[in-house]
Full PDB file with SEQRES, HELIX, SHEET, SSBOND, CRYST1, ORIGX, SCALE, CONECT and MASTER records, all heavy atoms in Angstrom:
SEQRES   1 A   37  LEU ARG LEU TYR THR THR GLU LEU PRO GLU GLU ILE MET          
SEQRES   2 A   37  ALA ASN LYS ILE PHE ASP LYS LEU GLY PHE LYS LEU TYR          
SEQRES   3 A   37  LYS LYS GLY ILE ASP TRP ASP GLY ILE GLU LEU                  
HELIX    1 AA1 PRO A    9  GLU A   11  5                                   3    
HELIX    2 AA2 ILE A   12  LEU A   21  1                                  10    
CRYST1    1.000    1.000    1.000  90.00  90.00  90.00 P 1           1          
ORIGX1      1.000000  0.000000  0.000000        0.00000                         
ORIGX2      0.000000  1.000000  0.000000        0.00000                         
ORIGX3      0.000000  0.000000  1.000000        0.00000                         
SCALE1      1.000000  0.000000  0.000000        0.00000                         
SCALE2      0.000000  1.000000  0.000000        0.00000                         
SCALE3      0.000000  0.000000  1.000000        0.00000                         
ATOM      1  N   LEU A   1       0.916  -1.119  -0.091  1.00  0.00           N  
ATOM      2  CA  LEU A   1       0.010   0.004   0.047  1.00  0.00           C  
ATOM      3  C   LEU A   1       0.865   1.170  -0.002  1.00  0.00           C  
ATOM      4  O   LEU A   1       1.828   1.323   0.825  1.00  0.00           O  
ATOM      5  CB  LEU A   1      -0.892  -0.036   1.224  1.00  0.00           C  
ATOM      6  CG  LEU A   1      -1.958   0.956   1.384  1.00  0.00           C  
ATOM      7  CD1 LEU A   1      -2.932   0.874   0.179  1.00  0.00           C  
ATOM      8  CD2 LEU A   1      -2.790   0.810   2.670  1.00  0.00           C  
ATOM      9  N   ARG A   2       0.837   2.074  -1.019  1.00  0.00           N  
ATOM     10  CA  ARG A   2       1.695   3.207  -1.092  1.00  0.00           C  
ATOM     11  C   ARG A   2       0.961   4.469  -1.118  1.00  0.00           C  
ATOM     12  O   ARG A   2      -0.301   4.506  -1.434  1.00  0.00           O  
ATOM     13  CB  ARG A   2       2.419   3.128  -2.488  1.00  0.00           C  
ATOM     14  CG  ARG A   2       3.459   1.972  -2.429  1.00  0.00           C  
ATOM     15  CD  ARG A   2       4.320   1.983  -3.678  1.00  0.00           C  
ATOM     16  NE  ARG A   2       5.199   0.805  -3.587  1.00  0.00           N  
ATOM     17  CZ  ARG A   2       5.631   0.061  -4.478  1.00  0.00           C  
ATOM     18  NH1 ARG A   2       5.105   0.273  -5.753  1.00  0.00           N  
ATOM     19  NH2 ARG A   2       6.401  -0.883  -4.285  1.00  0.00           N  
ATOM     20  N   LEU A   3       1.566   5.614  -0.753  1.00  0.00           N  
ATOM     21  CA  LEU A   3       1.004   6.916  -0.788  1.00  0.00           C  
ATOM     22  C   LEU A   3       2.162   7.921  -0.932  1.00  0.00           C  
ATOM     23  O   LEU A   3       3.279   7.505  -0.679  1.00  0.00           O  
ATOM     24  CB  LEU A   3       0.191   7.163   0.549  1.00  0.00           C  
ATOM     25  CG  LEU A   3       0.836   6.877   1.815  1.00  0.00           C  
ATOM     26  CD1 LEU A   3       1.607   8.187   2.346  1.00  0.00           C  
ATOM     27  CD2 LEU A   3      -0.242   6.557   2.880  1.00  0.00           C  
ATOM     28  N   TYR A   4       1.794   9.178  -1.021  1.00  0.00           N  
ATOM     29  CA  TYR A   4       2.772  10.284  -0.894  1.00  0.00           C  
ATOM     30  C   TYR A   4       2.173  11.346  -0.055  1.00  0.00           C  
ATOM     31  O   TYR A   4       0.977  11.555  -0.025  1.00  0.00           O  
ATOM     32  CB  TYR A   4       3.265  10.788  -2.215  1.00  0.00           C  
ATOM     33  CG  TYR A   4       2.286  11.403  -3.181  1.00  0.00           C  
ATOM     34  CD1 TYR A   4       2.044  12.807  -2.997  1.00  0.00           C  
ATOM     35  CD2 TYR A   4       1.679  10.726  -4.114  1.00  0.00           C  
ATOM     36  CE1 TYR A   4       1.220  13.418  -3.847  1.00  0.00           C  
ATOM     37  CE2 TYR A   4       0.717  11.419  -4.951  1.00  0.00           C  
ATOM     38  CZ  TYR A   4       0.480  12.775  -4.790  1.00  0.00           C  
ATOM     39  OH  TYR A   4      -0.313  13.336  -5.604  1.00  0.00           O  
ATOM     40  N   THR A   5       3.072  12.047   0.617  1.00  0.00           N  
ATOM     41  CA  THR A   5       2.683  13.065   1.521  1.00  0.00           C  
ATOM     42  C   THR A   5       3.776  14.122   1.504  1.00  0.00           C  
ATOM     43  O   THR A   5       4.704  14.057   0.685  1.00  0.00           O  
ATOM     44  CB  THR A   5       2.501  12.541   2.946  1.00  0.00           C  
ATOM     45  OG1 THR A   5       1.943  13.575   3.834  1.00  0.00           O  
ATOM     46  CG2 THR A   5       3.731  11.868   3.518  1.00  0.00           C  
ATOM     47  N   THR A   6       3.611  15.095   2.316  1.00  0.00           N  
ATOM     48  CA  THR A   6       4.695  16.141   2.495  1.00  0.00           C  
ATOM     49  C   THR A   6       4.901  16.368   3.969  1.00  0.00           C  
ATOM     50  O   THR A   6       4.232  15.865   4.782  1.00  0.00           O  
ATOM     51  CB  THR A   6       4.274  17.497   1.804  1.00  0.00           C  
ATOM     52  OG1 THR A   6       3.207  18.083   2.586  1.00  0.00           O  
ATOM     53  CG2 THR A   6       3.831  17.272   0.418  1.00  0.00           C  
ATOM     54  N   GLU A   7       5.829  17.271   4.315  1.00  0.00           N  
ATOM     55  CA  GLU A   7       5.991  17.724   5.699  1.00  0.00           C  
ATOM     56  C   GLU A   7       5.371  19.104   5.966  1.00  0.00           C  
ATOM     57  O   GLU A   7       5.620  19.712   6.950  1.00  0.00           O  
ATOM     58  CB  GLU A   7       7.574  17.792   5.997  1.00  0.00           C  
ATOM     59  CG  GLU A   7       8.112  16.381   6.051  1.00  0.00           C  
ATOM     60  CD  GLU A   7       9.666  16.340   6.453  1.00  0.00           C  
ATOM     61  OE1 GLU A   7      10.280  17.452   6.122  1.00  0.00           O  
ATOM     62  OE2 GLU A   7      10.085  15.379   6.849  1.00  0.00           O  
ATOM     63  N   LEU A   8       4.440  19.516   5.127  1.00  0.00           N  
ATOM     64  CA  LEU A   8       3.751  20.691   5.317  1.00  0.00           C  
ATOM     65  C   LEU A   8       2.862  20.623   6.540  1.00  0.00           C  
ATOM     66  O   LEU A   8       2.304  19.539   6.938  1.00  0.00           O  
ATOM     67  CB  LEU A   8       2.847  21.053   4.151  1.00  0.00           C  
ATOM     68  CG  LEU A   8       3.586  21.366   2.810  1.00  0.00           C  
ATOM     69  CD1 LEU A   8       2.543  21.460   1.668  1.00  0.00           C  
ATOM     70  CD2 LEU A   8       4.391  22.620   2.973  1.00  0.00           C  
ATOM     71  N   PRO A   9       2.608  21.721   7.329  1.00  0.00           N  
ATOM     72  CA  PRO A   9       1.845  21.660   8.605  1.00  0.00           C  
ATOM     73  C   PRO A   9       0.426  21.031   8.469  1.00  0.00           C  
ATOM     74  O   PRO A   9       0.087  20.442   9.347  1.00  0.00           O  
ATOM     75  CB  PRO A   9       1.851  23.181   8.904  1.00  0.00           C  
ATOM     76  CG  PRO A   9       2.980  23.773   8.281  1.00  0.00           C  
ATOM     77  CD  PRO A   9       3.204  23.023   6.933  1.00  0.00           C  
ATOM     78  N   GLU A  10      -0.188  21.279   7.289  1.00  0.00           N  
ATOM     79  CA  GLU A  10      -1.539  20.708   7.232  1.00  0.00           C  
ATOM     80  C   GLU A  10      -1.608  19.227   7.089  1.00  0.00           C  
ATOM     81  O   GLU A  10      -2.608  18.632   7.061  1.00  0.00           O  
ATOM     82  CB  GLU A  10      -2.332  21.394   6.019  1.00  0.00           C  
ATOM     83  CG  GLU A  10      -1.664  21.344   4.686  1.00  0.00           C  
ATOM     84  CD  GLU A  10      -0.767  22.504   4.396  1.00  0.00           C  
ATOM     85  OE1 GLU A  10      -0.228  23.156   5.291  1.00  0.00           O  
ATOM     86  OE2 GLU A  10      -0.514  22.664   3.071  1.00  0.00           O  
ATOM     87  N   GLU A  11      -0.422  18.548   6.880  1.00  0.00           N  
ATOM     88  CA  GLU A  11      -0.374  17.175   6.830  1.00  0.00           C  
ATOM     89  C   GLU A  11       0.192  16.483   8.092  1.00  0.00           C  
ATOM     90  O   GLU A  11       0.537  15.281   8.014  1.00  0.00           O  
ATOM     91  CB  GLU A  11       0.379  16.787   5.600  1.00  0.00           C  
ATOM     92  CG  GLU A  11      -0.321  17.287   4.308  1.00  0.00           C  
ATOM     93  CD  GLU A  11       0.229  16.605   3.016  1.00  0.00           C  
ATOM     94  OE1 GLU A  11       0.827  15.604   3.069  1.00  0.00           O  
ATOM     95  OE2 GLU A  11       0.017  17.287   1.986  1.00  0.00           O  
ATOM     96  N   ILE A  12       0.294  17.197   9.112  1.00  0.00           N  
ATOM     97  CA  ILE A  12       0.967  16.585  10.339  1.00  0.00           C  
ATOM     98  C   ILE A  12       0.120  15.561  10.921  1.00  0.00           C  
ATOM     99  O   ILE A  12       0.570  14.467  11.230  1.00  0.00           O  
ATOM    100  CB  ILE A  12       1.073  17.679  11.468  1.00  0.00           C  
ATOM    101  CG1 ILE A  12       2.172  18.643  11.033  1.00  0.00           C  
ATOM    102  CG2 ILE A  12       1.317  17.080  12.801  1.00  0.00           C  
ATOM    103  CD1 ILE A  12       2.388  19.861  11.982  1.00  0.00           C  
ATOM    104  N   MET A  13      -1.290  15.644  10.944  1.00  0.00           N  
ATOM    105  CA  MET A  13      -2.125  14.613  11.547  1.00  0.00           C  
ATOM    106  C   MET A  13      -2.067  13.373  10.657  1.00  0.00           C  
ATOM    107  O   MET A  13      -2.073  12.269  11.104  1.00  0.00           O  
ATOM    108  CB  MET A  13      -3.593  15.136  11.611  1.00  0.00           C  
ATOM    109  CG  MET A  13      -4.486  14.119  12.266  1.00  0.00           C  
ATOM    110  SD  MET A  13      -6.222  14.695  12.406  1.00  0.00           S  
ATOM    111  CE  MET A  13      -6.883  14.553  10.738  1.00  0.00           C  
ATOM    112  N   ALA A  14      -2.180  13.516   9.316  1.00  0.00           N  
ATOM    113  CA  ALA A  14      -2.133  12.490   8.358  1.00  0.00           C  
ATOM    114  C   ALA A  14      -0.757  11.697   8.572  1.00  0.00           C  
ATOM    115  O   ALA A  14      -0.671  10.464   8.685  1.00  0.00           O  
ATOM    116  CB  ALA A  14      -2.179  12.910   6.977  1.00  0.00           C  
ATOM    117  N   ASN A  15       0.420  12.396   8.641  1.00  0.00           N  
ATOM    118  CA  ASN A  15       1.640  11.669   8.799  1.00  0.00           C  
ATOM    119  C   ASN A  15       1.724  10.979  10.112  1.00  0.00           C  
ATOM    120  O   ASN A  15       2.309   9.854  10.181  1.00  0.00           O  
ATOM    121  CB  ASN A  15       2.811  12.707   8.674  1.00  0.00           C  
ATOM    122  CG  ASN A  15       3.077  13.110   7.271  1.00  0.00           C  
ATOM    123  OD1 ASN A  15       2.929  12.261   6.354  1.00  0.00           O  
ATOM    124  ND2 ASN A  15       3.290  14.423   7.026  1.00  0.00           N  
ATOM    125  N   LYS A  16       1.069  11.477  11.201  1.00  0.00           N  
ATOM    126  CA  LYS A  16       1.170  10.682  12.459  1.00  0.00           C  
ATOM    127  C   LYS A  16       0.314   9.363  12.287  1.00  0.00           C  
ATOM    128  O   LYS A  16       0.715   8.322  12.844  1.00  0.00           O  
ATOM    129  CB  LYS A  16       0.469  11.517  13.559  1.00  0.00           C  
ATOM    130  CG  LYS A  16       1.418  12.592  13.978  1.00  0.00           C  
ATOM    131  CD  LYS A  16       0.759  13.450  15.137  1.00  0.00           C  
ATOM    132  CE  LYS A  16       1.614  14.593  15.610  1.00  0.00           C  
ATOM    133  NZ  LYS A  16       1.098  15.326  16.635  1.00  0.00           N  
ATOM    134  N   ILE A  17      -0.732   9.352  11.606  1.00  0.00           N  
ATOM    135  CA  ILE A  17      -1.504   8.212  11.353  1.00  0.00           C  
ATOM    136  C   ILE A  17      -0.734   7.296  10.457  1.00  0.00           C  
ATOM    137  O   ILE A  17      -0.613   6.079  10.741  1.00  0.00           O  
ATOM    138  CB  ILE A  17      -2.928   8.571  10.650  1.00  0.00           C  
ATOM    139  CG1 ILE A  17      -3.733   9.382  11.658  1.00  0.00           C  
ATOM    140  CG2 ILE A  17      -3.600   7.271  10.138  1.00  0.00           C  
ATOM    141  CD1 ILE A  17      -5.056   9.856  11.063  1.00  0.00           C  
ATOM    142  N   PHE A  18      -0.081   7.759   9.329  1.00  0.00           N  
ATOM    143  CA  PHE A  18       0.619   6.884   8.509  1.00  0.00           C  
ATOM    144  C   PHE A  18       1.778   6.191   9.279  1.00  0.00           C  
ATOM    145  O   PHE A  18       2.038   5.026   9.070  1.00  0.00           O  
ATOM    146  CB  PHE A  18       1.190   7.598   7.314  1.00  0.00           C  
ATOM    147  CG  PHE A  18       0.180   8.278   6.415  1.00  0.00           C  
ATOM    148  CD1 PHE A  18       0.520   9.532   5.771  1.00  0.00           C  
ATOM    149  CD2 PHE A  18      -1.130   7.775   6.309  1.00  0.00           C  
ATOM    150  CE1 PHE A  18      -0.455  10.089   4.991  1.00  0.00           C  
ATOM    151  CE2 PHE A  18      -1.990   8.346   5.495  1.00  0.00           C  
ATOM    152  CZ  PHE A  18      -1.732   9.574   4.809  1.00  0.00           C  
ATOM    153  N   ASP A  19       2.483   7.050  10.089  1.00  0.00           N  
ATOM    154  CA  ASP A  19       3.538   6.504  10.834  1.00  0.00           C  
ATOM    155  C   ASP A  19       3.142   5.302  11.818  1.00  0.00           C  
ATOM    156  O   ASP A  19       3.780   4.209  11.875  1.00  0.00           O  
ATOM    157  CB  ASP A  19       4.329   7.535  11.682  1.00  0.00           C  
ATOM    158  CG  ASP A  19       5.122   8.522  10.833  1.00  0.00           C  
ATOM    159  OD1 ASP A  19       5.340   8.207   9.572  1.00  0.00           O  
ATOM    160  OD2 ASP A  19       5.445   9.590  11.214  1.00  0.00           O  
ATOM    161  N   LYS A  20       1.995   5.633  12.539  1.00  0.00           N  
ATOM    162  CA  LYS A  20       1.414   4.587  13.338  1.00  0.00           C  
ATOM    163  C   LYS A  20       1.067   3.340  12.600  1.00  0.00           C  
ATOM    164  O   LYS A  20       1.189   2.236  13.253  1.00  0.00           O  
ATOM    165  CB  LYS A  20       0.232   5.198  14.044  1.00  0.00           C  
ATOM    166  CG  LYS A  20      -0.396   4.417  15.063  1.00  0.00           C  
ATOM    167  CD  LYS A  20      -1.694   5.014  15.708  1.00  0.00           C  
ATOM    168  CE  LYS A  20      -2.342   4.095  16.677  1.00  0.00           C  
ATOM    169  NZ  LYS A  20      -3.596   4.691  17.113  1.00  0.00           N  
ATOM    170  N   LEU A  21       0.689   3.350  11.410  1.00  0.00           N  
ATOM    171  CA  LEU A  21       0.295   2.260  10.641  1.00  0.00           C  
ATOM    172  C   LEU A  21       1.424   1.563  10.038  1.00  0.00           C  
ATOM    173  O   LEU A  21       1.273   0.442   9.445  1.00  0.00           O  
ATOM    174  CB  LEU A  21      -0.658   2.594   9.595  1.00  0.00           C  
ATOM    175  CG  LEU A  21      -2.038   3.138  10.109  1.00  0.00           C  
ATOM    176  CD1 LEU A  21      -2.994   3.618   8.936  1.00  0.00           C  
ATOM    177  CD2 LEU A  21      -2.821   1.953  10.770  1.00  0.00           C  
ATOM    178  N   GLY A  22       2.599   2.093  10.184  1.00  0.00           N  
ATOM    179  CA  GLY A  22       3.846   1.331   9.791  1.00  0.00           C  
ATOM    180  C   GLY A  22       4.298   1.797   8.327  1.00  0.00           C  
ATOM    181  O   GLY A  22       5.154   1.166   7.704  1.00  0.00           O  
ATOM    182  N   PHE A  23       3.817   2.929   7.787  1.00  0.00           N  
ATOM    183  CA  PHE A  23       4.344   3.405   6.493  1.00  0.00           C  
ATOM    184  C   PHE A  23       5.755   3.871   6.699  1.00  0.00           C  
ATOM    185  O   PHE A  23       6.007   4.613   7.659  1.00  0.00           O  
ATOM    186  CB  PHE A  23       3.419   4.487   5.877  1.00  0.00           C  
ATOM    187  CG  PHE A  23       2.131   3.975   5.342  1.00  0.00           C  
ATOM    188  CD1 PHE A  23       1.080   3.679   6.099  1.00  0.00           C  
ATOM    189  CD2 PHE A  23       2.079   3.771   3.909  1.00  0.00           C  
ATOM    190  CE1 PHE A  23      -0.089   3.265   5.461  1.00  0.00           C  
ATOM    191  CE2 PHE A  23       0.965   3.269   3.402  1.00  0.00           C  
ATOM    192  CZ  PHE A  23      -0.131   3.009   4.223  1.00  0.00           C  
ATOM    193  N   LYS A  24       6.618   3.554   5.734  1.00  0.00           N  
ATOM    194  CA  LYS A  24       8.041   3.950   5.829  1.00  0.00           C  
ATOM    195  C   LYS A  24       8.415   4.651   4.509  1.00  0.00           C  
ATOM    196  O   LYS A  24       7.978   4.257   3.398  1.00  0.00           O  
ATOM    197  CB  LYS A  24       8.930   2.719   5.997  1.00  0.00           C  
ATOM    198  CG  LYS A  24       8.729   1.869   7.249  1.00  0.00           C  
ATOM    199  CD  LYS A  24       9.077   2.544   8.412  1.00  0.00           C  
ATOM    200  CE  LYS A  24       8.782   1.711   9.666  1.00  0.00           C  
ATOM    201  NZ  LYS A  24       8.660   2.395  10.954  1.00  0.00           N  
ATOM    202  N   LEU A  25       9.231   5.644   4.564  1.00  0.00           N  
ATOM    203  CA  LEU A  25       9.749   6.357   3.454  1.00  0.00           C  
ATOM    204  C   LEU A  25      10.612   5.413   2.572  1.00  0.00           C  
ATOM    205  O   LEU A  25      11.371   4.682   3.055  1.00  0.00           O  
ATOM    206  CB  LEU A  25      10.562   7.530   3.889  1.00  0.00           C  
ATOM    207  CG  LEU A  25      11.185   8.404   2.823  1.00  0.00           C  
ATOM    208  CD1 LEU A  25      10.153   9.210   2.133  1.00  0.00           C  
ATOM    209  CD2 LEU A  25      12.294   9.305   3.424  1.00  0.00           C  
ATOM    210  N   TYR A  26      10.243   5.506   1.264  1.00  0.00           N  
ATOM    211  CA  TYR A  26      11.085   4.641   0.319  1.00  0.00           C  
ATOM    212  C   TYR A  26      11.691   5.532  -0.769  1.00  0.00           C  
ATOM    213  O   TYR A  26      12.568   5.000  -1.419  1.00  0.00           O  
ATOM    214  CB  TYR A  26      10.295   3.433  -0.253  1.00  0.00           C  
ATOM    215  CG  TYR A  26       9.183   3.671  -1.276  1.00  0.00           C  
ATOM    216  CD1 TYR A  26       9.495   3.656  -2.558  1.00  0.00           C  
ATOM    217  CD2 TYR A  26       7.956   4.016  -0.970  1.00  0.00           C  
ATOM    218  CE1 TYR A  26       8.563   3.899  -3.550  1.00  0.00           C  
ATOM    219  CE2 TYR A  26       7.015   4.310  -1.808  1.00  0.00           C  
ATOM    220  CZ  TYR A  26       7.316   4.114  -3.156  1.00  0.00           C  
ATOM    221  OH  TYR A  26       6.355   4.470  -4.142  1.00  0.00           O  
ATOM    222  N   LYS A  27      11.122   6.699  -1.028  1.00  0.00           N  
ATOM    223  CA  LYS A  27      11.840   7.633  -1.887  1.00  0.00           C  
ATOM    224  C   LYS A  27      11.245   9.113  -1.689  1.00  0.00           C  
ATOM    225  O   LYS A  27      10.186   9.197  -1.088  1.00  0.00           O  
ATOM    226  CB  LYS A  27      11.745   7.195  -3.404  1.00  0.00           C  
ATOM    227  CG  LYS A  27      10.367   7.396  -3.968  1.00  0.00           C  
ATOM    228  CD  LYS A  27      10.373   6.947  -5.444  1.00  0.00           C  
ATOM    229  CE  LYS A  27       9.007   7.153  -6.115  1.00  0.00           C  
ATOM    230  NZ  LYS A  27       8.995   6.793  -7.518  1.00  0.00           N  
ATOM    231  N   LYS A  28      11.977  10.015  -2.260  1.00  0.00           N  
ATOM    232  CA  LYS A  28      11.570  11.378  -2.276  1.00  0.00           C  
ATOM    233  C   LYS A  28      11.536  11.967  -3.640  1.00  0.00           C  
ATOM    234  O   LYS A  28      12.012  11.425  -4.554  1.00  0.00           O  
ATOM    235  CB  LYS A  28      12.503  12.300  -1.514  1.00  0.00           C  
ATOM    236  CG  LYS A  28      12.574  11.966   0.031  1.00  0.00           C  
ATOM    237  CD  LYS A  28      13.540  12.845   0.671  1.00  0.00           C  
ATOM    238  CE  LYS A  28      13.621  12.529   2.249  1.00  0.00           C  
ATOM    239  NZ  LYS A  28      14.422  13.518   2.968  1.00  0.00           N  
ATOM    240  N   GLY A  29      10.596  12.935  -3.813  1.00  0.00           N  
ATOM    241  CA  GLY A  29      10.478  13.673  -5.129  1.00  0.00           C  
ATOM    242  C   GLY A  29      10.124  15.019  -4.942  1.00  0.00           C  
ATOM    243  O   GLY A  29      10.014  15.530  -3.807  1.00  0.00           O  
ATOM    244  N   ILE A  30       9.895  15.698  -6.112  1.00  0.00           N  
ATOM    245  CA  ILE A  30       9.490  17.217  -6.043  1.00  0.00           C  
ATOM    246  C   ILE A  30       8.238  17.308  -6.854  1.00  0.00           C  
ATOM    247  O   ILE A  30       8.208  16.808  -7.978  1.00  0.00           O  
ATOM    248  CB  ILE A  30      10.642  18.029  -6.579  1.00  0.00           C  
ATOM    249  CG1 ILE A  30      11.946  17.858  -5.744  1.00  0.00           C  
ATOM    250  CG2 ILE A  30      10.157  19.503  -6.597  1.00  0.00           C  
ATOM    251  CD1 ILE A  30      11.918  18.335  -4.345  1.00  0.00           C  
ATOM    252  N   ASP A  31       7.238  17.929  -6.373  1.00  0.00           N  
ATOM    253  CA  ASP A  31       6.046  18.227  -7.144  1.00  0.00           C  
ATOM    254  C   ASP A  31       6.236  19.431  -8.087  1.00  0.00           C  
ATOM    255  O   ASP A  31       7.252  20.077  -8.124  1.00  0.00           O  
ATOM    256  CB  ASP A  31       4.750  18.285  -6.382  1.00  0.00           C  
ATOM    257  CG  ASP A  31       4.624  19.523  -5.690  1.00  0.00           C  
ATOM    258  OD1 ASP A  31       5.395  20.452  -5.694  1.00  0.00           O  
ATOM    259  OD2 ASP A  31       3.530  19.685  -4.964  1.00  0.00           O  
ATOM    260  N   TRP A  32       5.164  19.756  -8.875  1.00  0.00           N  
ATOM    261  CA  TRP A  32       5.304  20.817  -9.873  1.00  0.00           C  
ATOM    262  C   TRP A  32       5.449  22.172  -9.204  1.00  0.00           C  
ATOM    263  O   TRP A  32       5.745  23.155  -9.921  1.00  0.00           O  
ATOM    264  CB  TRP A  32       4.144  20.788 -10.884  1.00  0.00           C  
ATOM    265  CG  TRP A  32       2.793  20.738 -10.115  1.00  0.00           C  
ATOM    266  CD1 TRP A  32       2.100  21.734  -9.669  1.00  0.00           C  
ATOM    267  CD2 TRP A  32       2.096  19.565  -9.786  1.00  0.00           C  
ATOM    268  NE1 TRP A  32       0.932  21.309  -9.005  1.00  0.00           N  
ATOM    269  CE2 TRP A  32       0.864  19.920  -9.077  1.00  0.00           C  
ATOM    270  CE3 TRP A  32       2.390  18.210  -9.938  1.00  0.00           C  
ATOM    271  CZ2 TRP A  32      -0.022  19.037  -8.549  1.00  0.00           C  
ATOM    272  CZ3 TRP A  32       1.442  17.284  -9.396  1.00  0.00           C  
ATOM    273  CH2 TRP A  32       0.284  17.647  -8.729  1.00  0.00           C  
ATOM    274  N   ASP A  33       5.054  22.318  -7.915  1.00  0.00           N  
ATOM    275  CA  ASP A  33       5.269  23.538  -7.175  1.00  0.00           C  
ATOM    276  C   ASP A  33       6.545  23.661  -6.444  1.00  0.00           C  
ATOM    277  O   ASP A  33       6.861  24.594  -5.660  1.00  0.00           O  
ATOM    278  CB  ASP A  33       4.080  23.734  -6.283  1.00  0.00           C  
ATOM    279  CG  ASP A  33       2.777  23.999  -6.941  1.00  0.00           C  
ATOM    280  OD1 ASP A  33       2.752  24.647  -7.968  1.00  0.00           O  
ATOM    281  OD2 ASP A  33       1.780  23.506  -6.357  1.00  0.00           O  
ATOM    282  N   GLY A  34       7.445  22.631  -6.553  1.00  0.00           N  
ATOM    283  CA  GLY A  34       8.691  22.608  -5.849  1.00  0.00           C  
ATOM    284  C   GLY A  34       8.689  22.168  -4.499  1.00  0.00           C  
ATOM    285  O   GLY A  34       9.633  22.189  -3.733  1.00  0.00           O  
ATOM    286  N   ILE A  35       7.462  21.507  -4.104  1.00  0.00           N  
ATOM    287  CA  ILE A  35       7.368  20.984  -2.731  1.00  0.00           C  
ATOM    288  C   ILE A  35       7.940  19.531  -2.700  1.00  0.00           C  
ATOM    289  O   ILE A  35       7.638  18.691  -3.575  1.00  0.00           O  
ATOM    290  CB  ILE A  35       5.997  21.029  -2.310  1.00  0.00           C  
ATOM    291  CG1 ILE A  35       5.435  22.474  -2.285  1.00  0.00           C  
ATOM    292  CG2 ILE A  35       5.683  20.286  -0.966  1.00  0.00           C  
ATOM    293  CD1 ILE A  35       3.924  22.669  -2.029  1.00  0.00           C  
ATOM    294  N   GLU A  36       8.607  19.230  -1.694  1.00  0.00           N  
ATOM    295  CA  GLU A  36       9.232  17.909  -1.538  1.00  0.00           C  
ATOM    296  C   GLU A  36       8.132  16.869  -1.243  1.00  0.00           C  
ATOM    297  O   GLU A  36       7.335  17.103  -0.295  1.00  0.00           O  
ATOM    298  CB  GLU A  36      10.240  17.852  -0.437  1.00  0.00           C  
ATOM    299  CG  GLU A  36      10.909  16.467  -0.338  1.00  0.00           C  
ATOM    300  CD  GLU A  36      12.057  16.464   0.683  1.00  0.00           C  
ATOM    301  OE1 GLU A  36      11.804  16.742   1.863  1.00  0.00           O  
ATOM    302  OE2 GLU A  36      13.152  16.055   0.283  1.00  0.00           O  
ATOM    303  N   LEU A  37       8.048  15.866  -1.964  1.00  0.00           N  
ATOM    304  CA  LEU A  37       7.092  14.748  -1.747  1.00  0.00           C  
ATOM    305  C   LEU A  37       7.759  13.541  -1.011  1.00  0.00           C  
ATOM    306  O   LEU A  37       8.982  13.277  -1.428  1.00  0.00           O  
ATOM    307  CB  LEU A  37       6.565  14.274  -3.049  1.00  0.00           C  
ATOM    308  CG  LEU A  37       5.684  15.295  -3.790  1.00  0.00           C  
ATOM    309  CD1 LEU A  37       5.294  14.618  -5.223  1.00  0.00           C  
ATOM    310  CD2 LEU A  37       4.554  15.724  -3.070  1.00  0.00           C  
TER     311      LEU A  37                                                      
MASTER        0    0    0    2    0    0    0    6  310    1    0    3          
END                                                                             
């Protein structure tokens, strides 16, 4: 099960849930606005 997120403040709650469920970082990228994915 894969997803992408950011470290933007509005995604803090989502990232806590993802971490609790065992999601691990496997790569990074940059979106069209220059935000790190």
